[in-house]
Amino acid sequence: MSRISQSYPVTKVTFDDGVEGDYTVDTRGDMVSVEEPLELRVNGTTITTTMRTPGNDLELVHGFLHAEGHIVEAGQIDNARYCGGATGPNGENTYNLIEAELSRDVLPLSLDSIRLTTTTSACGVCGSTSIDSIMDKRRHPLTPVRLDPRVIVSLPEKLRAQQKQFRRTGGIHAAGAFTLDGEPIVVREDVGRHNAADKVIGHLLMNDMLPAEDVILVMSSRASFELVQKAVMAGIPALVAVSAASSLAVDLARETGMSLTGFTRENRFNLYSGELAEKAAAEQSSEAASRS
């Protein structure tokens, strides 16, 4: 069985001519995205358990620890490995527990940084994290970028083109790092949108690409406060989401100078924070003047 997707027998009901008409029933196999817990221990202490899609777990760990402000560079993790003692009913390794050892120059984790409750695939920061605390923790002040609208509207389809598991299951999020010209750097998928973002940022961290000053983070989901937080901590100056942005996400983006778009489609998007490239802004002003 794949650890990323699993087939289940399902009964598919299809109405032929609206809900008032006849319907057909068909039983077939359907691919479903796998969701399993990942426990993270740091220096022997469990700091969180997240529900994720298995795969690229070490990137997830690096991205998570960076987003939480525990590490600045990949070299501050001396060792990260799956625990051999995490076994299933048949004695096999579940690969659902990672032990990480931080270098001596890293400050000990405080009790406030330990999440003893499970982080679900729908939500990462399930609590009240203030904008002020993010501003205090960030190490990479953002350099604002002006967005080219033609690049922005092309990004959701470019992200979708690399969502292999989404094509199989239809039930998994994706995050991608793209250049300002719209070229893909890395794309990762996970049932949790925050996990997908952690995997992408972890990849950048492990390849010495942070702060990511010339990168756009593209999400197949809505833009939440937590996703903006992760981008801010990584020095990413722009976030593009295919769905809505929350009020706190907009507030944090504006406070930090991040460009933020939502409802991004092939022919439109909402710009919540930031500015358009000069040519696009000039064209916009010209069109507005012609209508007045």
Protein backbone atom coordinates (compact mmCIF):
# COMPACT_ATOMS: atom_id res chain seq x y z
CA MET A 1 0.00 0.00 0.00
CA SER A 2 1.27 3.48 -0.86
CA ARG A 3 1.87 5.72 2.14
CA ILE A 4 0.72 8.74 0.12
CA SER A 5 -2.59 7.50 -1.27
CA GLN A 6 -4.83 4.50 -0.63
CA SER A 7 -7.67 2.94 -2.60
CA TYR A 8 -11.07 2.44 -0.97
CA PRO A 9 -14.22 0.90 -2.44
CA VAL A 10 -16.85 3.63 -2.70
CA THR A 11 -20.38 3.90 -3.99
CA LYS A 12 -20.64 6.75 -6.49
CA VAL A 13 -24.12 8.24 -6.98
CA THR A 14 -24.68 10.33 -10.10
CA PHE A 15 -27.88 12.18 -11.04
CA ASP A 16 -28.50 12.04 -14.78
CA ASP A 17 -30.78 15.05 -15.14
CA GLY A 18 -30.84 17.15 -11.99
CA VAL A 19 -31.79 16.02 -8.50
CA GLU A 20 -35.39 15.39 -9.60
CA GLY A 21 -34.36 12.89 -12.26
CA ASP A 22 -33.01 9.34 -12.19
CA TYR A 23 -29.64 8.50 -10.73
CA THR A 24 -27.12 5.75 -11.27
CA VAL A 25 -25.13 3.88 -8.63
CA ASP A 26 -21.67 2.57 -9.33
CA THR A 27 -19.24 0.85 -6.95
CA ARG A 28 -15.60 1.34 -7.73
CA GLY A 29 -12.22 2.00 -6.16
CA ASP A 30 -11.40 5.59 -5.26
CA MET A 31 -7.99 6.96 -4.34
CA VAL A 32 -7.87 8.79 -0.99
CA SER A 33 -4.98 10.87 0.37
CA VAL A 34 -3.30 9.24 3.37
CA GLU A 35 -3.34 11.15 6.65
CA GLU A 36 -1.10 9.93 9.49
CA PRO A 37 0.32 11.51 12.65
CA LEU A 38 3.91 12.68 12.83
CA GLU A 39 5.32 13.20 16.30
CA LEU A 40 8.31 15.51 16.54
CA ARG A 41 10.73 15.20 19.43
CA VAL A 42 13.45 17.79 19.90
CA ASN A 43 16.32 16.94 22.22
CA GLY A 44 14.17 14.20 23.73
CA THR A 45 11.03 16.30 24.30
CA THR A 46 7.88 15.94 22.21
CA ILE A 47 7.00 19.44 20.99
CA THR A 48 4.17 18.70 18.56
CA THR A 49 2.20 16.04 16.73
CA THR A 50 0.86 17.01 13.33
CA MET A 51 -1.49 15.17 10.99
CA ARG A 52 0.26 15.00 7.63
CA THR A 53 0.66 13.06 4.40
CA PRO A 54 3.83 10.91 4.72
CA GLY A 55 6.73 12.01 2.55
CA ASN A 56 9.38 14.75 2.71
CA ASP A 57 9.10 14.58 6.50
CA LEU A 58 12.60 15.94 7.13
CA GLU A 59 11.76 19.00 5.05
CA LEU A 60 8.60 19.39 7.13
CA VAL A 61 10.64 19.26 10.35
CA HIS A 62 13.12 21.85 9.10
CA GLY A 63 10.34 24.12 7.87
CA PHE A 64 8.36 23.82 11.09
CA LEU A 65 11.31 24.54 13.38
CA HIS A 66 12.29 27.50 11.23
CA ALA A 67 8.74 28.91 11.15
CA GLU A 68 8.52 28.63 14.93
CA GLY A 69 11.76 30.58 15.31
CA HIS A 70 13.76 27.72 16.84
CA ILE A 71 16.43 27.57 14.10
CA VAL A 72 17.85 30.02 11.58
CA GLU A 73 19.80 27.63 9.36
CA ALA A 74 19.76 23.93 8.56
CA GLY A 75 23.12 23.37 10.26
CA GLN A 76 21.52 24.05 13.64
CA ILE A 77 19.90 20.61 13.43
CA ASP A 78 22.73 18.21 14.26
CA ASN A 79 20.68 15.12 13.52
CA ALA A 80 17.12 14.21 12.53
CA ARG A 81 15.98 10.64 12.09
CA TYR A 82 12.99 8.35 12.31
CA CYS A 83 12.76 6.61 15.66
CA GLY A 84 13.26 2.86 15.35
CA GLY A 85 11.04 2.23 18.37
CA ALA A 86 7.88 3.55 16.65
CA THR A 87 6.43 0.28 15.43
CA GLY A 88 3.04 -0.88 14.23
CA PRO A 89 1.06 -3.98 15.26
CA ASN A 90 3.23 -6.22 13.07
CA GLY A 91 6.51 -4.79 14.31
CA GLU A 92 7.12 -2.61 11.25
CA ASN A 93 8.45 0.93 11.58
CA THR A 94 5.56 3.38 11.22
CA TYR A 95 7.89 6.27 10.28
CA ASN A 96 5.58 8.49 12.33
CA LEU A 97 8.11 9.70 14.90
CA ILE A 98 11.13 11.88 14.17
CA GLU A 99 13.79 12.70 16.73
CA ALA A 100 15.77 15.88 16.11
CA GLU A 101 18.84 17.03 17.98
CA LEU A 102 19.65 20.74 17.92
CA SER A 103 23.17 22.11 18.13
CA ARG A 104 24.46 23.61 21.36
CA ASP A 105 24.23 27.18 20.09
CA VAL A 106 20.42 26.92 19.88
CA LEU A 107 18.58 28.24 22.92
CA PRO A 108 16.62 25.57 24.84
CA LEU A 109 12.96 25.38 23.85
CA SER A 110 10.62 27.19 26.19
CA LEU A 111 7.42 25.67 27.55
CA ASP A 112 5.47 28.16 25.42
CA SER A 113 6.89 26.59 22.26
CA ILE A 114 5.62 23.11 23.05
CA ARG A 115 2.27 22.16 21.50
CA LEU A 116 1.05 19.20 23.47
CA THR A 117 -2.18 19.01 21.49
CA THR A 118 -2.34 17.51 18.02
CA THR A 119 -2.05 19.95 15.14
CA THR A 120 -4.73 18.92 12.65
CA SER A 121 -4.35 18.93 8.89
CA ALA A 122 -6.79 21.82 8.70
CA CYS A 123 -5.12 24.14 11.19
CA GLY A 124 -1.60 24.78 12.34
CA VAL A 125 -1.63 27.64 14.83
CA CYS A 126 -4.76 26.71 16.73
CA GLY A 127 -4.41 29.54 19.20
CA SER A 128 -3.82 33.26 19.52
CA THR A 129 -0.45 34.23 18.06
CA SER A 130 -0.16 38.01 17.83
CA ILE A 131 1.31 40.03 15.01
CA ASP A 132 3.65 41.65 17.52
CA SER A 133 5.19 38.30 18.45
CA ILE A 134 5.82 37.50 14.77
CA MET A 135 7.48 40.88 14.26
CA ASP A 136 9.71 40.16 17.25
CA LYS A 137 10.70 36.67 16.06
CA ARG A 138 11.36 37.33 12.38
CA ARG A 139 14.99 37.48 11.32
CA HIS A 140 14.59 38.50 7.69
CA PRO A 141 12.96 41.89 7.08
CA LEU A 142 11.03 41.64 3.82
CA THR A 143 12.09 43.48 0.70
CA PRO A 144 8.80 44.42 -1.00
CA VAL A 145 8.33 43.29 -4.60
CA ARG A 146 5.99 44.59 -7.28
CA LEU A 147 3.90 41.82 -8.81
CA ASP A 148 3.45 41.28 -12.53
CA PRO A 149 -0.26 40.45 -12.95
CA ARG A 150 0.43 38.18 -15.93
CA VAL A 151 2.81 36.10 -13.85
CA ILE A 152 0.39 35.94 -10.91
CA VAL A 153 -2.58 34.61 -12.92
CA SER A 154 -0.34 31.91 -14.44
CA LEU A 155 0.78 30.49 -11.08
CA PRO A 156 -2.27 28.43 -9.98
CA GLU A 157 -2.20 26.39 -13.20
CA LYS A 158 1.57 25.93 -12.96
CA LEU A 159 1.11 24.68 -9.40
CA ARG A 160 -1.73 22.38 -10.44
CA ALA A 161 0.39 20.89 -13.22
CA GLN A 162 2.76 19.46 -10.59
CA GLN A 163 0.08 18.16 -8.19
CA LYS A 164 0.43 14.46 -8.97
CA GLN A 165 -1.37 13.27 -5.84
CA PHE A 166 -4.21 15.74 -6.35
CA ARG A 167 -4.85 14.21 -9.76
CA ARG A 168 -5.00 10.80 -8.11
CA THR A 169 -7.12 11.70 -5.09
CA GLY A 170 -8.64 15.17 -5.47
CA GLY A 171 -8.09 15.66 -1.72
CA ILE A 172 -4.69 17.15 -1.02
CA HIS A 173 -3.18 20.64 -0.75
CA ALA A 174 -0.09 21.92 -2.48
CA ALA A 175 2.48 24.62 -1.85
CA GLY A 176 5.05 25.79 -4.33
CA ALA A 177 8.01 28.14 -4.43
CA PHE A 178 8.26 30.05 -7.71
CA THR A 179 10.62 32.70 -9.03
CA LEU A 180 9.31 36.21 -9.60
CA ASP A 181 9.15 35.27 -13.30
CA GLY A 182 6.87 32.33 -12.51
CA GLU A 183 9.34 29.46 -12.81
CA PRO A 184 8.85 26.57 -10.34
CA ILE A 185 11.56 25.89 -7.77
CA VAL A 186 9.90 23.21 -5.63
CA VAL A 187 6.33 21.93 -5.12
CA ARG A 188 5.14 19.77 -2.24
CA GLU A 189 1.74 18.20 -1.44
CA ASP A 190 0.12 17.36 1.90
CA VAL A 191 -3.35 17.00 3.41
CA GLY A 192 -2.43 19.96 5.61
CA ARG A 193 -1.81 23.24 3.84
CA HIS A 194 0.57 24.34 6.60
CA ASN A 195 2.51 21.07 6.28
CA ALA A 196 2.86 21.61 2.52
CA ALA A 197 4.25 25.08 3.20
CA ASP A 198 6.64 23.74 5.85
CA LYS A 199 7.95 21.16 3.37
CA VAL A 200 8.61 23.82 0.74
CA ILE A 201 10.30 26.17 3.20
CA GLY A 202 12.21 23.25 4.70
CA HIS A 203 13.49 22.39 1.22
CA LEU A 204 14.65 25.98 0.72
CA LEU A 205 16.31 25.99 4.14
CA MET A 206 18.10 22.68 3.55
CA ASN A 207 19.41 24.01 0.22
CA ASP A 208 20.67 27.29 1.74
CA MET A 209 18.06 29.39 -0.10
CA LEU A 210 16.78 31.46 2.84
CA PRO A 211 15.99 34.27 3.11
CA ALA A 212 14.01 33.72 -0.11
CA GLU A 213 13.97 37.32 -1.26
CA ASP A 214 13.05 36.55 -4.90
CA VAL A 215 10.45 33.85 -4.29
CA ILE A 216 6.67 33.71 -4.46
CA LEU A 217 4.93 31.16 -2.24
CA VAL A 218 1.87 29.76 -4.04
CA MET A 219 -0.83 27.92 -2.09
CA SER A 220 -3.72 25.80 -3.38
CA SER A 221 -5.70 26.89 -0.33
CA ARG A 222 -6.88 30.05 1.38
CA ALA A 223 -4.34 32.46 2.82
CA SER A 224 -4.39 32.09 6.60
CA PHE A 225 -2.47 34.03 9.23
CA GLU A 226 -0.22 31.03 9.79
CA LEU A 227 0.78 30.73 6.14
CA VAL A 228 1.68 34.42 6.00
CA GLN A 229 3.65 33.92 9.22
CA LYS A 230 5.65 31.06 7.71
CA ALA A 231 6.43 33.11 4.61
CA VAL A 232 7.47 36.11 6.73
CA MET A 233 9.83 33.98 8.81
CA ALA A 234 11.41 32.64 5.59
CA GLY A 235 11.86 36.11 4.11
CA ILE A 236 9.44 35.37 1.27
CA PRO A 237 8.03 38.66 -0.04
CA ALA A 238 4.89 37.41 -1.78
CA LEU A 239 2.14 34.86 -1.18
CA VAL A 240 -0.43 33.84 -3.81
CA ALA A 241 -3.52 31.89 -2.75
CA VAL A 242 -6.27 30.44 -4.93
CA SER A 243 -8.90 31.04 -2.24
CA ALA A 244 -9.74 33.77 0.25
CA ALA A 245 -7.48 35.59 2.68
CA SER A 246 -8.35 35.98 6.34
CA SER A 247 -8.39 39.39 8.02
CA LEU A 248 -5.41 38.59 10.22
CA ALA A 249 -3.46 37.34 7.21
CA VAL A 250 -4.09 40.66 5.45
CA ASP A 251 -3.10 42.62 8.57
CA LEU A 252 0.17 40.72 8.95
CA ALA A 253 0.98 41.01 5.23
CA ARG A 254 0.44 44.79 5.32
CA GLU A 255 2.43 45.17 8.54
CA THR A 256 5.43 43.32 7.09
CA GLY A 257 5.29 44.65 3.53
CA MET A 258 4.38 41.32 1.96
CA SER A 259 2.46 41.16 -1.31
CA LEU A 260 -0.65 39.01 -0.84
CA THR A 261 -3.22 37.88 -3.39
CA GLY A 262 -6.35 35.79 -3.02
CA PHE A 263 -9.00 34.26 -5.30
CA THR A 264 -6.23 33.91 -7.86
CA ARG A 265 -7.54 32.46 -11.13
CA GLU A 266 -6.40 32.39 -14.75
CA ASN A 267 -7.98 35.78 -15.43
CA ARG A 268 -8.29 37.59 -12.09
CA PHE A 269 -7.10 37.98 -8.49
CA ASN A 270 -7.58 40.21 -5.47
CA LEU A 271 -4.53 42.16 -4.32
CA TYR A 272 -4.86 42.54 -0.54
CA SER A 273 -1.38 43.89 0.15
CA GLY A 274 1.53 45.13 -1.93
CA GLU A 275 1.76 46.83 -5.30
CA LEU A 276 1.64 45.88 -8.96
CA ALA A 277 4.59 46.26 -11.30
CA GLU A 278 4.95 49.77 -12.66
CA LYS A 279 3.80 48.97 -16.19
CA ALA A 280 0.69 47.22 -14.93
CA ALA A 281 -0.04 50.05 -12.52
CA ALA A 282 0.32 52.59 -15.32
CA GLU A 283 -2.02 50.62 -17.58
CA GLN A 284 -4.50 50.37 -14.72
CA SER A 285 -4.38 54.14 -14.16
CA SER A 286 -4.82 54.78 -17.88
CA GLU A 287 -7.85 52.51 -18.08
CA ALA A 288 -9.37 54.14 -15.01
CA ALA A 289 -8.84 57.57 -16.52
CA SER A 290 -10.50 56.55 -19.79
CA ARG A 291 -13.58 55.36 -17.92
CA SER A 292 -13.93 58.57 -15.93
